Amino acid sequence: MSASLDEIIANFDLLDEWDDRYRYLIELGKSLEPLPEEAHNEANKVRGCASQVWLEGRAEAGPGPQTRLTFRGDSDAHIVRGLVALALAIYSGRSAADILATDAFETYERLGLAAHLTPQRSNGVRSMIERIKADARTAAGG
């Protein structure tokens, strides 16, 4: 089972060294539910990431903005897989309206990740978040 966002934030707060934070991020990625091989397809591939990233979204219940979305994801890079796990902790299981109202970059800033990611990885994070928000906009009917 993946860690909750509150648990991830608490664990980051306990880690002072960036090497330890990167190791924790890698461990988060290892804890992701495996994405079935058939989900590693072009429709799920996130464009704009230097590494290979796949996100699979499913609408679960509710009309329009109240539609609940769940996501699964994967990457071929360990740290990026951890960044996928963080994005899923922020967004998966929430309503389309909540997803659209949530600024994941605030969380990345709070964890200090924004200052410690390469520009390529930062662009990849933006691409992942935009993909999740695009799925939420579609589910919300707009």
C-alpha atoms as a PDB file:
ATOM      1  CA  MET A   1       0.000   0.000   0.000  1.00  0.00           C
ATOM      2  CA  SER A   2       1.294   3.433  -0.887  1.00  0.00           C
ATOM      3  CA  ALA A   3       2.004   6.072   1.728  1.00  0.00           C
ATOM      4  CA  SER A   4      -0.481   8.866   2.365  1.00  0.00           C
ATOM      5  CA  LEU A   5       0.507  12.436   1.599  1.00  0.00           C
ATOM      6  CA  ASP A   6       0.587  13.305   5.317  1.00  0.00           C
ATOM      7  CA  GLU A   7       2.903  10.356   5.977  1.00  0.00           C
ATOM      8  CA  ILE A   8       5.200  11.373   3.116  1.00  0.00           C
ATOM      9  CA  ILE A   9       5.397  14.969   4.391  1.00  0.00           C
ATOM     10  CA  ALA A  10       6.102  13.780   7.951  1.00  0.00           C
ATOM     11  CA  ASN A  11       8.857  11.454   6.733  1.00  0.00           C
ATOM     12  CA  PHE A  12      10.447  14.197   4.623  1.00  0.00           C
ATOM     13  CA  ASP A  13      10.411  16.473   7.682  1.00  0.00           C
ATOM     14  CA  LEU A  14      12.419  13.848   9.596  1.00  0.00           C
ATOM     15  CA  LEU A  15      15.141  13.636   6.937  1.00  0.00           C
ATOM     16  CA  ASP A  16      17.746  16.389   7.026  1.00  0.00           C
ATOM     17  CA  GLU A  17      20.135  15.216   4.308  1.00  0.00           C
ATOM     18  CA  TRP A  18      19.207  15.311   0.629  1.00  0.00           C
ATOM     19  CA  ASP A  19      20.775  11.919   0.022  1.00  0.00           C
ATOM     20  CA  ASP A  20      18.339  10.486   2.574  1.00  0.00           C
ATOM     21  CA  ARG A  21      15.409  12.314   0.951  1.00  0.00           C
ATOM     22  CA  TYR A  22      16.353  10.961  -2.478  1.00  0.00           C
ATOM     23  CA  ARG A  23      16.595   7.436  -1.030  1.00  0.00           C
ATOM     24  CA  TYR A  24      13.158   7.888   0.525  1.00  0.00           C
ATOM     25  CA  LEU A  25      11.777   9.107  -2.799  1.00  0.00           C
ATOM     26  CA  ILE A  26      13.171   5.975  -4.452  1.00  0.00           C
ATOM     27  CA  GLU A  27      11.542   3.826  -1.753  1.00  0.00           C
ATOM     28  CA  LEU A  28       8.223   5.571  -2.417  1.00  0.00           C
ATOM     29  CA  GLY A  29       8.545   4.603  -6.056  1.00  0.00           C
ATOM     30  CA  LYS A  30       9.238   0.992  -5.132  1.00  0.00           C
ATOM     31  CA  SER A  31       6.035   0.953  -3.078  1.00  0.00           C
ATOM     32  CA  LEU A  32       3.834   1.799  -6.075  1.00  0.00           C
ATOM     33  CA  GLU A  33       1.323  -0.803  -7.162  1.00  0.00           C
ATOM     34  CA  PRO A  34       2.801  -2.395 -10.289  1.00  0.00           C
ATOM     35  CA  LEU A  35       1.358  -1.049 -13.504  1.00  0.00           C
ATOM     36  CA  PRO A  36       0.332  -3.941 -15.772  1.00  0.00           C
ATOM     37  CA  GLU A  37       2.457  -4.306 -18.896  1.00  0.00           C
ATOM     38  CA  GLU A  38      -0.541  -3.569 -21.132  1.00  0.00           C
ATOM     39  CA  ALA A  39      -0.863  -0.159 -19.419  1.00  0.00           C
ATOM     40  CA  HIS A  40       2.630   0.763 -20.648  1.00  0.00           C
ATOM     41  CA  ASN A  41       1.119   2.081 -23.873  1.00  0.00           C
ATOM     42  CA  GLU A  42       1.111   5.266 -25.938  1.00  0.00           C
ATOM     43  CA  ALA A  43      -2.248   6.435 -24.558  1.00  0.00           C
ATOM     44  CA  ASN A  44      -0.871   6.371 -20.986  1.00  0.00           C
ATOM     45  CA  LYS A  45       2.565   7.753 -21.825  1.00  0.00           C
ATOM     46  CA  VAL A  46       3.216  11.228 -20.429  1.00  0.00           C
ATOM     47  CA  ARG A  47       4.740  13.572 -22.975  1.00  0.00           C
ATOM     48  CA  GLY A  48       7.371  16.062 -21.845  1.00  0.00           C
ATOM     49  CA  CYS A  49       9.246  13.762 -19.481  1.00  0.00           C
ATOM     50  CA  ALA A  50      12.896  12.918 -20.116  1.00  0.00           C
ATOM     51  CA  SER A  51      12.293   9.488 -18.572  1.00  0.00           C
ATOM     52  CA  GLN A  52       9.540   7.157 -19.648  1.00  0.00           C
ATOM     53  CA  VAL A  53       6.429   7.838 -17.540  1.00  0.00           C
ATOM     54  CA  TRP A  54       2.999   6.260 -17.791  1.00  0.00           C
ATOM     55  CA  LEU A  55      -0.146   7.370 -15.963  1.00  0.00           C
ATOM     56  CA  GLU A  56      -3.385   5.436 -16.089  1.00  0.00           C
ATOM     57  CA  GLY A  57      -6.452   7.268 -14.831  1.00  0.00           C
ATOM     58  CA  ARG A  58      -9.886   5.875 -14.055  1.00  0.00           C
ATOM     59  CA  ALA A  59     -13.072   7.738 -13.249  1.00  0.00           C
ATOM     60  CA  GLU A  60     -14.808   5.892 -10.449  1.00  0.00           C
ATOM     61  CA  ALA A  61     -18.004   7.622  -9.410  1.00  0.00           C
ATOM     62  CA  GLY A  62     -19.974  10.819  -9.374  1.00  0.00           C
ATOM     63  CA  PRO A  63     -21.309  13.238 -11.940  1.00  0.00           C
ATOM     64  CA  GLY A  64     -19.137  15.977 -13.436  1.00  0.00           C
ATOM     65  CA  PRO A  65     -16.848  17.768 -10.974  1.00  0.00           C
ATOM     66  CA  GLN A  66     -17.650  15.212  -8.254  1.00  0.00           C
ATOM     67  CA  THR A  67     -16.284  12.339 -10.342  1.00  0.00           C
ATOM     68  CA  ARG A  68     -13.639  10.560  -8.286  1.00  0.00           C
ATOM     69  CA  LEU A  69     -10.449   9.750 -10.158  1.00  0.00           C
ATOM     70  CA  THR A  70      -7.845   7.155  -9.309  1.00  0.00           C
ATOM     71  CA  PHE A  71      -4.456   6.920 -10.914  1.00  0.00           C
ATOM     72  CA  ARG A  72      -1.722   4.360 -11.263  1.00  0.00           C
ATOM     73  CA  GLY A  73       1.680   5.150 -12.662  1.00  0.00           C
ATOM     74  CA  ASP A  74       5.136   3.935 -13.478  1.00  0.00           C
ATOM     75  CA  SER A  75       8.490   5.144 -14.752  1.00  0.00           C
ATOM     76  CA  ASP A  76      11.692   3.564 -15.970  1.00  0.00           C
ATOM     77  CA  ALA A  77      13.751   5.820 -13.641  1.00  0.00           C
ATOM     78  CA  HIS A  78      13.886   5.242  -9.864  1.00  0.00           C
ATOM     79  CA  ILE A  79      13.677   8.855  -8.696  1.00  0.00           C
ATOM     80  CA  VAL A  80      11.003   9.673 -11.265  1.00  0.00           C
ATOM     81  CA  ARG A  81       8.992   6.671 -10.079  1.00  0.00           C
ATOM     82  CA  GLY A  82       9.150   8.268  -6.614  1.00  0.00           C
ATOM     83  CA  LEU A  83       7.927  11.559  -8.070  1.00  0.00           C
ATOM     84  CA  VAL A  84       5.056   9.629  -9.671  1.00  0.00           C
ATOM     85  CA  ALA A  85       4.248   8.127  -6.247  1.00  0.00           C
ATOM     86  CA  LEU A  86       4.177  11.622  -4.737  1.00  0.00           C
ATOM     87  CA  ALA A  87       1.862  12.928  -7.482  1.00  0.00           C
ATOM     88  CA  LEU A  88      -0.467   9.968  -6.907  1.00  0.00           C
ATOM     89  CA  ALA A  89      -0.469  10.613  -3.153  1.00  0.00           C
ATOM     90  CA  ILE A  90      -1.513  14.211  -3.866  1.00  0.00           C
ATOM     91  CA  TYR A  91      -4.213  13.476  -6.449  1.00  0.00           C
ATOM     92  CA  SER A  92      -5.401   9.866  -6.657  1.00  0.00           C
ATOM     93  CA  GLY A  93      -8.763   9.103  -5.078  1.00  0.00           C
ATOM     94  CA  ARG A  94      -9.940  12.712  -5.143  1.00  0.00           C
ATOM     95  CA  SER A  95     -12.774  14.359  -7.027  1.00  0.00           C
ATOM     96  CA  ALA A  96     -12.136  16.144 -10.312  1.00  0.00           C
ATOM     97  CA  ALA A  97     -12.995  19.453  -8.610  1.00  0.00           C
ATOM     98  CA  ASP A  98     -10.470  18.800  -5.804  1.00  0.00           C
ATOM     99  CA  ILE A  99      -7.781  17.830  -8.296  1.00  0.00           C
ATOM    100  CA  LEU A 100      -8.303  21.003 -10.284  1.00  0.00           C
ATOM    101  CA  ALA A 101      -8.197  23.120  -7.099  1.00  0.00           C
ATOM    102  CA  THR A 102      -5.019  21.495  -5.723  1.00  0.00           C
ATOM    103  CA  ASP A 103      -1.613  22.992  -6.448  1.00  0.00           C
ATOM    104  CA  ALA A 104       0.862  20.119  -6.228  1.00  0.00           C
ATOM    105  CA  PHE A 105       3.732  22.549  -6.667  1.00  0.00           C
ATOM    106  CA  GLU A 106       3.044  23.869  -3.153  1.00  0.00           C
ATOM    107  CA  THR A 107       3.752  20.372  -1.839  1.00  0.00           C
ATOM    108  CA  TYR A 108       6.886  20.009  -3.968  1.00  0.00           C
ATOM    109  CA  GLU A 109       8.054  23.408  -2.646  1.00  0.00           C
ATOM    110  CA  ARG A 110       7.268  22.465   0.965  1.00  0.00           C
ATOM    111  CA  LEU A 111       9.296  19.278   0.609  1.00  0.00           C
ATOM    112  CA  GLY A 112      12.180  21.213  -0.925  1.00  0.00           C
ATOM    113  CA  LEU A 113      11.975  19.208  -4.124  1.00  0.00           C
ATOM    114  CA  ALA A 114      11.519  22.195  -6.403  1.00  0.00           C
ATOM    115  CA  ALA A 115      14.975  23.472  -5.471  1.00  0.00           C
ATOM    116  CA  HIS A 116      16.649  20.056  -5.776  1.00  0.00           C
ATOM    117  CA  LEU A 117      15.268  18.715  -9.038  1.00  0.00           C
ATOM    118  CA  THR A 118      17.026  19.217 -12.340  1.00  0.00           C
ATOM    119  CA  PRO A 119      15.187  21.403 -14.853  1.00  0.00           C
ATOM    120  CA  GLN A 120      14.387  18.267 -16.899  1.00  0.00           C
ATOM    121  CA  ARG A 121      12.840  16.520 -13.890  1.00  0.00           C
ATOM    122  CA  SER A 122      10.918  19.684 -12.971  1.00  0.00           C
ATOM    123  CA  ASN A 123       9.500  19.791 -16.501  1.00  0.00           C
ATOM    124  CA  GLY A 124       8.575  16.115 -16.181  1.00  0.00           C
ATOM    125  CA  VAL A 125       6.745  16.800 -12.917  1.00  0.00           C
ATOM    126  CA  ARG A 126       4.839  19.621 -14.618  1.00  0.00           C
ATOM    127  CA  SER A 127       3.910  17.266 -17.465  1.00  0.00           C
ATOM    128  CA  MET A 128       2.640  14.623 -15.007  1.00  0.00           C
ATOM    129  CA  ILE A 129       0.568  17.147 -13.088  1.00  0.00           C
ATOM    130  CA  GLU A 130      -0.852  18.656 -16.263  1.00  0.00           C
ATOM    131  CA  ARG A 131      -1.811  15.173 -17.470  1.00  0.00           C
ATOM    132  CA  ILE A 132      -3.639  14.464 -14.182  1.00  0.00           C
ATOM    133  CA  LYS A 133      -5.403  17.846 -14.348  1.00  0.00           C
ATOM    134  CA  ALA A 134      -6.353  17.266 -18.000  1.00  0.00           C
ATOM    135  CA  ASP A 135      -7.993  13.955 -16.971  1.00  0.00           C
ATOM    136  CA  ALA A 136      -9.827  15.843 -14.198  1.00  0.00           C
ATOM    137  CA  ARG A 137     -11.021  18.527 -16.628  1.00  0.00           C
ATOM    138  CA  THR A 138     -12.320  15.814 -18.958  1.00  0.00           C
ATOM    139  CA  ALA A 139     -14.089  14.011 -16.102  1.00  0.00           C
ATOM    140  CA  ALA A 140     -15.586  17.284 -14.860  1.00  0.00           C
ATOM    141  CA  GLY A 141     -17.042  17.889 -18.287  1.00  0.00           C
ATOM    142  CA  GLY A 142     -14.876  20.788 -19.297  1.00  0.00           C
END
